[in-house]
């Protein structure tokens, strides 16, 4: 016979962060185009030249040191054009449960030793038998019997029906 472990309706509440969505600024990327490289552009040190085109000569690259960006803004070299972009990252709470709740402490009885205890006292364990992982969350805390009882946890949907709240 299954023993139903019910949700404590006093603790059942909607997670305010469920479905949460926000956009936050990510990395800033500064690329440049230049018809001539100023002496303070040092490839591999404060910038990376990614392409050089000839006729007319053009340099393309990424600035990797923000001090170089500041210097370009302050000195405004006519031969250099900057393009600054910022990545936008979407942050969601998809791994959050829709509801918070606790289960009511429920007395259960071991089918082996016939002792009673709260369901919260059940032990769990696993072992590898050579082929599969064998596990149990229903180990008697008194006699150590595996699968000592048959319990079923109430679903949130069923608890909401008891609470007379629609999903």
N, C-alpha and C. Protein backbone atom coordinates (compact mmCIF):
# COMPACT_ATOMS: atom_id res chain seq x y z
N UNK A 1 0.84 -1.19 0.00
CA UNK A 1 0.00 0.00 0.00
C UNK A 1 0.88 1.25 0.00
N UNK A 2 0.55 2.21 -0.87
CA UNK A 2 1.30 3.47 -0.93
C UNK A 2 0.83 4.43 0.14
N UNK A 3 1.79 5.07 0.77
CA UNK A 3 1.48 6.14 1.72
C UNK A 3 1.71 7.45 0.98
N UNK A 4 0.71 8.31 0.98
CA UNK A 4 0.82 9.59 0.30
C UNK A 4 1.43 10.62 1.24
N UNK A 5 2.53 11.22 0.80
CA UNK A 5 3.17 12.31 1.54
C UNK A 5 2.62 13.60 0.94
N UNK A 6 1.79 14.30 1.72
CA UNK A 6 1.11 15.49 1.20
C UNK A 6 1.94 16.75 1.40
N UNK A 7 1.69 17.69 0.51
CA UNK A 7 2.32 19.02 0.60
C UNK A 7 1.59 19.81 1.69
N UNK A 8 2.38 20.48 2.51
CA UNK A 8 1.82 21.37 3.53
C UNK A 8 1.29 22.61 2.82
N UNK A 9 -0.02 22.75 2.73
CA UNK A 9 -0.62 23.86 1.98
C UNK A 9 -0.24 25.23 2.52
N UNK A 10 0.12 25.29 3.80
CA UNK A 10 0.54 26.58 4.38
C UNK A 10 1.86 27.05 3.80
N UNK A 11 2.66 26.11 3.25
CA UNK A 11 3.96 26.48 2.69
C UNK A 11 3.95 26.62 1.18
N UNK A 12 2.85 26.26 0.55
CA UNK A 12 2.75 26.28 -0.91
C UNK A 12 2.57 27.71 -1.41
N UNK A 13 3.55 28.19 -2.15
CA UNK A 13 3.45 29.54 -2.70
C UNK A 13 4.19 29.62 -4.02
N UNK A 14 3.74 30.54 -4.84
CA UNK A 14 4.33 30.76 -6.16
C UNK A 14 5.73 31.35 -6.00
N UNK A 15 6.67 30.84 -6.78
CA UNK A 15 8.03 31.37 -6.77
C UNK A 15 8.04 32.69 -7.53
N UNK A 16 8.35 33.80 -6.86
CA UNK A 16 8.31 35.10 -7.54
C UNK A 16 9.36 35.23 -8.65
N UNK A 17 10.36 34.36 -8.67
CA UNK A 17 11.41 34.42 -9.68
C UNK A 17 11.18 33.46 -10.84
N UNK A 18 10.12 32.66 -10.77
CA UNK A 18 9.84 31.73 -11.85
C UNK A 18 9.48 32.52 -13.11
N UNK A 19 10.13 32.19 -14.21
CA UNK A 19 9.88 32.89 -15.47
C UNK A 19 10.56 34.24 -15.55
N UNK A 20 11.39 34.59 -14.57
CA UNK A 20 12.09 35.87 -14.54
C UNK A 20 12.99 35.99 -15.77
N UNK A 21 13.02 37.17 -16.34
CA UNK A 21 13.82 37.42 -17.53
C UNK A 21 14.38 38.84 -17.46
N UNK A 22 15.66 38.96 -17.73
CA UNK A 22 16.31 40.26 -17.67
C UNK A 22 17.43 40.29 -18.71
N UNK A 23 17.76 41.46 -19.19
CA UNK A 23 18.87 41.63 -20.12
C UNK A 23 19.95 42.44 -19.42
N UNK A 24 21.18 41.92 -19.47
CA UNK A 24 22.30 42.59 -18.81
C UNK A 24 23.41 42.82 -19.83
N UNK A 25 24.19 43.86 -19.62
CA UNK A 25 25.29 44.12 -20.56
C UNK A 25 26.38 43.06 -20.43
N UNK A 26 26.92 42.68 -21.57
CA UNK A 26 28.01 41.70 -21.59
C UNK A 26 29.32 42.36 -21.96
N UNK A 27 30.13 41.63 -22.67
CA UNK A 27 31.46 42.10 -23.04
C UNK A 27 31.38 43.24 -24.07
N UNK A 28 32.32 44.16 -23.95
CA UNK A 28 32.45 45.25 -24.90
C UNK A 28 33.52 44.88 -25.91
N UNK A 29 33.23 45.13 -27.16
CA UNK A 29 34.17 44.82 -28.23
C UNK A 29 34.46 46.11 -28.99
N UNK A 30 35.74 46.41 -29.17
CA UNK A 30 36.13 47.60 -29.90
C UNK A 30 36.96 47.18 -31.11
N UNK A 31 36.42 47.45 -32.28
CA UNK A 31 37.17 47.15 -33.51
C UNK A 31 37.62 48.47 -34.14
N UNK A 32 38.61 48.37 -35.01
CA UNK A 32 39.11 49.58 -35.64
C UNK A 32 39.36 49.34 -37.12
N UNK A 33 39.31 50.43 -37.87
CA UNK A 33 39.73 50.47 -39.26
C UNK A 33 40.70 51.65 -39.34
N UNK A 34 41.80 51.43 -40.02
CA UNK A 34 42.80 52.51 -40.11
C UNK A 34 43.42 52.53 -41.49
N UNK A 35 43.66 53.74 -42.01
CA UNK A 35 44.38 53.89 -43.27
C UNK A 35 45.88 53.95 -43.01
N UNK A 36 46.21 54.23 -41.78
CA UNK A 36 47.61 54.27 -41.34
C UNK A 36 47.59 53.95 -39.84
N UNK A 37 48.54 53.14 -39.38
CA UNK A 37 48.56 52.79 -37.96
C UNK A 37 49.41 53.78 -37.19
N UNK A 38 48.82 54.45 -36.19
CA UNK A 38 49.64 55.31 -35.33
C UNK A 38 50.70 54.47 -34.60
N UNK A 39 51.79 55.11 -34.21
CA UNK A 39 52.89 54.40 -33.56
C UNK A 39 52.48 53.74 -32.24
N UNK A 40 51.43 54.28 -31.59
CA UNK A 40 51.02 53.70 -30.30
C UNK A 40 50.13 52.46 -30.47
N UNK A 41 49.82 52.03 -31.68
CA UNK A 41 49.13 50.76 -31.93
C UNK A 41 50.19 49.67 -32.01
N UNK A 42 50.18 48.76 -31.06
CA UNK A 42 51.17 47.69 -30.99
C UNK A 42 50.47 46.34 -31.17
N UNK A 43 50.63 45.75 -32.35
CA UNK A 43 49.97 44.48 -32.67
C UNK A 43 50.38 43.39 -31.68
N UNK A 44 49.38 42.75 -31.09
CA UNK A 44 49.63 41.68 -30.12
C UNK A 44 49.81 42.18 -28.70
N UNK A 45 49.91 43.50 -28.52
CA UNK A 45 50.09 44.07 -27.18
C UNK A 45 48.83 44.83 -26.76
N UNK A 46 48.43 45.82 -27.56
CA UNK A 46 47.22 46.57 -27.23
C UNK A 46 46.14 46.47 -28.31
N UNK A 47 46.49 45.78 -29.40
CA UNK A 47 45.51 45.54 -30.46
C UNK A 47 45.91 44.27 -31.21
N UNK A 48 44.96 43.77 -32.00
CA UNK A 48 45.25 42.63 -32.86
C UNK A 48 44.81 43.01 -34.26
N UNK A 49 45.77 43.01 -35.17
CA UNK A 49 45.46 43.30 -36.56
C UNK A 49 44.93 42.02 -37.17
N UNK A 50 43.69 42.07 -37.66
CA UNK A 50 43.06 40.85 -38.19
C UNK A 50 43.11 40.79 -39.71
N UNK A 51 43.30 41.95 -40.36
CA UNK A 51 43.32 41.96 -41.82
C UNK A 51 44.02 43.23 -42.31
N UNK A 52 44.75 43.08 -43.41
CA UNK A 52 45.36 44.24 -44.07
C UNK A 52 44.99 44.15 -45.55
N UNK A 53 44.43 45.24 -46.07
CA UNK A 53 44.08 45.31 -47.49
C UNK A 53 44.98 46.35 -48.15
N UNK A 54 45.32 46.09 -49.41
CA UNK A 54 46.17 47.02 -50.15
C UNK A 54 45.34 47.77 -51.19
N UNK A 55 45.87 48.88 -51.63
CA UNK A 55 45.32 49.67 -52.75
C UNK A 55 43.91 50.15 -52.52
N UNK A 56 43.58 51.09 -51.74
CA UNK A 56 44.47 51.76 -50.78
C UNK A 56 44.64 50.91 -49.52
N UNK A 57 45.71 51.12 -48.84
CA UNK A 57 46.02 50.31 -47.66
C UNK A 57 45.01 50.59 -46.55
N UNK A 58 44.53 49.48 -45.96
CA UNK A 58 43.59 49.58 -44.84
C UNK A 58 43.93 48.49 -43.83
N UNK A 59 43.89 48.86 -42.56
CA UNK A 59 44.12 47.92 -41.46
C UNK A 59 42.79 47.70 -40.73
N UNK A 60 42.52 46.45 -40.39
CA UNK A 60 41.32 46.11 -39.61
C UNK A 60 41.78 45.31 -38.40
N UNK A 61 41.11 45.52 -37.27
CA UNK A 61 41.51 44.76 -36.09
C UNK A 61 40.64 45.02 -34.89
N UNK A 62 41.08 44.45 -33.79
CA UNK A 62 40.39 44.55 -32.50
C UNK A 62 41.33 45.20 -31.50
N UNK A 63 40.78 46.06 -30.67
CA UNK A 63 41.56 46.66 -29.59
C UNK A 63 41.38 45.79 -28.35
N UNK A 64 42.50 45.37 -27.76
CA UNK A 64 42.43 44.48 -26.60
C UNK A 64 42.82 45.16 -25.30
N UNK A 65 43.27 46.39 -25.38
CA UNK A 65 43.62 47.16 -24.19
C UNK A 65 42.77 48.43 -24.17
N UNK A 66 41.93 48.58 -23.15
CA UNK A 66 41.01 49.72 -23.10
C UNK A 66 41.74 51.06 -23.00
N UNK A 67 43.00 51.06 -22.57
CA UNK A 67 43.77 52.30 -22.53
C UNK A 67 43.97 52.85 -23.94
N UNK A 68 44.05 51.94 -24.92
CA UNK A 68 44.19 52.37 -26.31
C UNK A 68 42.91 53.05 -26.80
N UNK A 69 41.76 52.55 -26.37
CA UNK A 69 40.48 53.18 -26.72
C UNK A 69 40.45 54.60 -26.18
N UNK A 70 40.81 54.76 -24.92
CA UNK A 70 40.82 56.09 -24.29
C UNK A 70 41.79 57.02 -25.02
N UNK A 71 42.94 56.50 -25.37
CA UNK A 71 43.92 57.34 -26.07
C UNK A 71 43.40 57.78 -27.44
N UNK A 72 42.73 56.87 -28.14
CA UNK A 72 42.15 57.22 -29.45
C UNK A 72 41.06 58.28 -29.30
N UNK A 73 40.25 58.15 -28.27
CA UNK A 73 39.18 59.14 -28.04
C UNK A 73 39.79 60.50 -27.70
N UNK A 74 40.83 60.51 -26.89
CA UNK A 74 41.47 61.78 -26.49
C UNK A 74 42.26 62.42 -27.64
N UNK A 75 43.03 61.62 -28.36
CA UNK A 75 43.93 62.17 -29.40
C UNK A 75 43.27 62.27 -30.77
N UNK A 76 42.18 61.54 -30.99
CA UNK A 76 41.42 61.56 -32.24
C UNK A 76 42.30 61.47 -33.49
N UNK A 77 43.07 60.39 -33.64
CA UNK A 77 43.88 60.26 -34.86
C UNK A 77 42.95 60.16 -36.08
N UNK A 78 43.20 60.99 -37.10
CA UNK A 78 42.32 61.09 -38.27
C UNK A 78 42.34 59.81 -39.10
N UNK A 79 43.38 59.04 -39.00
CA UNK A 79 43.50 57.83 -39.82
C UNK A 79 42.83 56.60 -39.21
N UNK A 80 42.25 56.74 -38.00
CA UNK A 80 41.66 55.61 -37.28
C UNK A 80 40.17 55.84 -37.03
N UNK A 81 39.38 54.81 -37.30
CA UNK A 81 37.95 54.84 -37.03
C UNK A 81 37.63 53.69 -36.07
N UNK A 82 36.93 54.01 -34.97
CA UNK A 82 36.59 53.00 -33.97
C UNK A 82 35.12 52.61 -34.08
N UNK A 83 34.86 51.35 -33.76
CA UNK A 83 33.49 50.85 -33.67
C UNK A 83 33.39 50.09 -32.36
N UNK A 84 32.55 50.60 -31.45
CA UNK A 84 32.40 49.97 -30.14
C UNK A 84 31.03 49.33 -30.05
N UNK A 85 31.00 48.06 -29.71
CA UNK A 85 29.72 47.35 -29.55
C UNK A 85 29.73 46.60 -28.23
N UNK A 86 28.54 46.37 -27.73
CA UNK A 86 28.41 45.66 -26.45
C UNK A 86 27.42 44.52 -26.63
N UNK A 87 27.81 43.37 -26.15
CA UNK A 87 26.96 42.19 -26.18
C UNK A 87 25.87 42.34 -25.11
N UNK A 88 24.68 41.85 -25.40
CA UNK A 88 23.59 41.87 -24.43
C UNK A 88 23.26 40.41 -24.12
N UNK A 89 23.22 40.09 -22.84
CA UNK A 89 22.98 38.72 -22.39
C UNK A 89 21.61 38.63 -21.75
N UNK A 90 20.85 37.63 -22.17
CA UNK A 90 19.54 37.40 -21.56
C UNK A 90 19.72 36.45 -20.37
N UNK A 91 19.22 36.86 -19.22
CA UNK A 91 19.30 36.05 -18.01
C UNK A 91 17.88 35.59 -17.69
N UNK A 92 17.71 34.28 -17.57
CA UNK A 92 16.40 33.74 -17.23
C UNK A 92 16.53 32.85 -16.00
N UNK A 93 15.40 32.53 -15.43
CA UNK A 93 15.39 31.65 -14.25
C UNK A 93 14.71 30.33 -14.60
N UNK A 94 15.07 29.77 -15.76
CA UNK A 94 14.44 28.53 -16.22
C UNK A 94 14.68 27.35 -15.29
N UNK A 95 15.72 27.41 -14.50
CA UNK A 95 16.00 26.30 -13.59
C UNK A 95 15.33 26.46 -12.22
N UNK A 96 14.50 27.47 -12.09
CA UNK A 96 13.79 27.70 -10.83
C UNK A 96 12.49 26.92 -10.80
N UNK A 97 12.10 26.39 -9.65
CA UNK A 97 10.80 25.72 -9.56
C UNK A 97 9.67 26.76 -9.62
N UNK A 98 8.52 26.33 -10.13
CA UNK A 98 7.39 27.26 -10.24
C UNK A 98 6.79 27.55 -8.86
N UNK A 99 6.87 26.59 -7.95
CA UNK A 99 6.31 26.74 -6.60
C UNK A 99 7.33 26.35 -5.55
N UNK A 100 7.24 26.98 -4.39
CA UNK A 100 7.98 26.59 -3.21
C UNK A 100 7.01 25.86 -2.29
N UNK A 101 7.48 24.81 -1.61
CA UNK A 101 6.61 24.09 -0.68
C UNK A 101 7.45 23.13 0.17
N UNK A 102 6.82 22.66 1.21
CA UNK A 102 7.38 21.61 2.07
C UNK A 102 6.33 20.54 2.22
N UNK A 103 6.80 19.34 2.50
CA UNK A 103 5.85 18.24 2.73
C UNK A 103 5.51 18.16 4.21
N UNK A 104 4.30 17.70 4.49
CA UNK A 104 3.89 17.49 5.88
C UNK A 104 4.67 16.31 6.46
N UNK A 105 5.14 16.43 7.69
CA UNK A 105 5.80 15.28 8.32
C UNK A 105 4.77 14.14 8.41
N UNK A 106 5.11 13.00 7.86
CA UNK A 106 4.16 11.89 7.78
C UNK A 106 4.78 10.63 8.37
N UNK A 107 4.04 9.97 9.26
CA UNK A 107 4.50 8.71 9.86
C UNK A 107 4.31 7.59 8.86
N UNK A 108 5.36 6.80 8.71
CA UNK A 108 5.27 5.61 7.87
C UNK A 108 5.77 4.42 8.66
N UNK A 109 5.48 3.21 8.15
CA UNK A 109 5.83 1.99 8.87
C UNK A 109 6.69 1.10 7.97
N UNK A 110 7.80 0.63 8.50
CA UNK A 110 8.67 -0.28 7.77
C UNK A 110 7.96 -1.62 7.62
N UNK A 111 7.95 -2.14 6.41
CA UNK A 111 7.30 -3.42 6.15
C UNK A 111 8.12 -4.60 6.67
N UNK A 112 9.39 -4.36 6.99
CA UNK A 112 10.26 -5.44 7.48
C UNK A 112 10.25 -5.51 9.01
N UNK A 113 10.61 -4.40 9.69
CA UNK A 113 10.72 -4.42 11.15
C UNK A 113 9.47 -3.88 11.85
N UNK A 114 8.54 -3.33 11.09
CA UNK A 114 7.25 -2.80 11.58
C UNK A 114 7.37 -1.61 12.52
N UNK A 115 8.53 -0.96 12.55
CA UNK A 115 8.69 0.26 13.34
C UNK A 115 8.15 1.44 12.55
N UNK A 116 7.64 2.44 13.27
CA UNK A 116 7.13 3.65 12.64
C UNK A 116 8.12 4.80 12.83
N UNK A 117 8.17 5.68 11.86
CA UNK A 117 9.06 6.84 11.89
C UNK A 117 8.55 7.84 10.87
N UNK A 118 9.07 9.06 10.94
CA UNK A 118 8.68 10.10 9.98
C UNK A 118 9.35 9.84 8.63
N UNK A 119 8.65 10.18 7.57
CA UNK A 119 9.20 9.96 6.22
C UNK A 119 10.52 10.72 6.02
N UNK A 120 10.71 11.79 6.76
CA UNK A 120 11.95 12.57 6.64
C UNK A 120 13.16 11.82 7.19
N UNK A 121 12.91 10.75 7.94
CA UNK A 121 14.00 9.97 8.50
C UNK A 121 14.49 8.86 7.56
N UNK A 122 13.77 8.64 6.46
CA UNK A 122 14.20 7.62 5.50
C UNK A 122 15.61 7.93 5.01
N UNK A 123 16.37 6.89 4.77
CA UNK A 123 17.74 7.03 4.26
C UNK A 123 17.74 6.73 2.77
N UNK A 124 18.80 7.14 2.10
CA UNK A 124 18.96 6.80 0.68
C UNK A 124 20.39 6.33 0.46
N UNK A 125 20.55 5.47 -0.53
CA UNK A 125 21.87 4.93 -0.84
C UNK A 125 21.83 4.35 -2.24
N UNK A 126 23.01 4.09 -2.78
CA UNK A 126 23.10 3.46 -4.09
C UNK A 126 24.38 2.64 -4.14
N UNK A 127 24.41 1.71 -5.08
CA UNK A 127 25.62 0.94 -5.34
C UNK A 127 25.59 0.48 -6.78
N UNK A 128 26.76 0.14 -7.31
CA UNK A 128 26.87 -0.34 -8.68
C UNK A 128 27.01 -1.85 -8.61
N UNK A 129 26.13 -2.57 -9.29
CA UNK A 129 26.15 -4.03 -9.23
C UNK A 129 26.94 -4.66 -10.37
N UNK A 130 27.69 -3.86 -11.11
CA UNK A 130 28.46 -4.37 -12.24
C UNK A 130 27.82 -4.00 -13.56
N UNK A 131 26.50 -3.86 -13.57
CA UNK A 131 25.77 -3.48 -14.78
C UNK A 131 25.05 -2.15 -14.62
N UNK A 132 24.41 -1.97 -13.48
CA UNK A 132 23.56 -0.80 -13.27
C UNK A 132 23.82 -0.19 -11.91
N UNK A 133 23.39 1.09 -11.79
CA UNK A 133 23.35 1.73 -10.47
C UNK A 133 22.03 1.33 -9.83
N UNK A 134 22.11 0.76 -8.66
CA UNK A 134 20.92 0.38 -7.89
C UNK A 134 20.80 1.41 -6.78
N UNK A 135 19.61 2.00 -6.62
CA UNK A 135 19.44 3.03 -5.61
C UNK A 135 18.08 2.91 -4.95
N UNK A 136 18.01 3.48 -3.76
CA UNK A 136 16.74 3.53 -3.03
C UNK A 136 16.72 4.78 -2.17
N UNK A 137 15.56 5.43 -2.14
CA UNK A 137 15.32 6.55 -1.24
C UNK A 137 14.40 6.12 -0.12
N UNK A 138 14.19 4.82 0.01
CA UNK A 138 13.26 4.28 1.00
C UNK A 138 13.95 3.21 1.84
N UNK A 139 15.02 3.63 2.51
CA UNK A 139 15.77 2.71 3.38
C UNK A 139 15.38 3.01 4.82
N UNK A 140 14.99 1.96 5.53
CA UNK A 140 14.55 2.10 6.92
C UNK A 140 15.69 2.62 7.79
N UNK A 141 15.45 3.68 8.58
CA UNK A 141 16.49 4.21 9.44
C UNK A 141 16.76 3.32 10.66
N UNK A 142 15.89 2.36 10.89
CA UNK A 142 16.04 1.49 12.07
C UNK A 142 16.71 0.17 11.71
N UNK A 143 16.14 -0.56 10.73
CA UNK A 143 16.70 -1.88 10.40
C UNK A 143 17.56 -1.87 9.14
N UNK A 144 17.53 -0.80 8.37
CA UNK A 144 18.36 -0.71 7.17
C UNK A 144 17.79 -1.39 5.95
N UNK A 145 16.57 -1.87 6.02
CA UNK A 145 15.93 -2.55 4.88
C UNK A 145 15.75 -1.58 3.71
N UNK A 146 16.15 -2.03 2.51
CA UNK A 146 15.96 -1.24 1.30
C UNK A 146 14.51 -1.38 0.85
N UNK A 147 13.97 -0.35 0.29
CA UNK A 147 12.59 -0.34 -0.20
C UNK A 147 11.64 -0.83 0.91
N UNK A 148 11.81 -0.25 2.09
CA UNK A 148 11.09 -0.72 3.28
C UNK A 148 9.63 -0.29 3.29
N UNK A 149 9.25 0.61 2.40
CA UNK A 149 7.88 1.11 2.38
C UNK A 149 7.57 1.58 0.96
N UNK A 150 6.33 1.89 0.74
CA UNK A 150 5.91 2.40 -0.56
C UNK A 150 5.26 3.75 -0.33
N UNK A 151 5.98 4.78 -0.77
CA UNK A 151 5.44 6.13 -0.58
C UNK A 151 5.29 6.82 -1.93
N UNK A 152 4.38 7.76 -1.95
CA UNK A 152 4.16 8.58 -3.14
C UNK A 152 4.06 10.02 -2.65
N UNK A 153 4.78 10.90 -3.34
CA UNK A 153 4.74 12.32 -2.98
C UNK A 153 3.65 13.01 -3.80
N UNK A 154 2.86 13.82 -3.10
CA UNK A 154 1.80 14.56 -3.76
C UNK A 154 2.39 15.55 -4.75
N UNK A 155 1.76 15.68 -5.90
CA UNK A 155 2.22 16.65 -6.90
C UNK A 155 1.70 18.04 -6.55
N UNK A 156 2.36 19.04 -7.07
CA UNK A 156 1.93 20.43 -6.86
C UNK A 156 0.53 20.62 -7.43
N UNK A 157 0.26 20.03 -8.59
CA UNK A 157 -1.05 20.16 -9.22
C UNK A 157 -2.16 19.63 -8.30
N UNK A 158 -1.91 18.47 -7.67
CA UNK A 158 -2.92 17.91 -6.76
C UNK A 158 -3.08 18.78 -5.51
N UNK A 159 -1.97 19.32 -5.02
CA UNK A 159 -2.04 20.19 -3.83
C UNK A 159 -2.82 21.47 -4.16
N UNK A 160 -2.62 22.00 -5.36
CA UNK A 160 -3.35 23.20 -5.77
C UNK A 160 -4.85 22.92 -5.88
N UNK A 161 -5.19 21.73 -6.32
CA UNK A 161 -6.61 21.35 -6.37
C UNK A 161 -7.18 21.30 -4.96
N UNK A 162 -6.40 20.76 -4.04
CA UNK A 162 -6.86 20.74 -2.63
C UNK A 162 -7.02 22.16 -2.11
N UNK A 163 -6.14 23.02 -2.53
CA UNK A 163 -6.18 24.42 -2.09
C UNK A 163 -7.23 25.21 -2.85
N UNK A 164 -7.78 24.57 -3.88
CA UNK A 164 -8.81 25.18 -4.73
C UNK A 164 -8.28 26.42 -5.45
N UNK A 165 -7.06 26.27 -6.01
CA UNK A 165 -6.43 27.31 -6.80
C UNK A 165 -6.20 26.74 -8.17
N UNK A 166 -6.55 27.48 -9.20
CA UNK A 166 -6.32 27.02 -10.57
C UNK A 166 -4.89 27.27 -10.96
N UNK A 167 -4.36 26.37 -11.79
CA UNK A 167 -3.00 26.52 -12.30
C UNK A 167 -2.84 27.74 -13.17
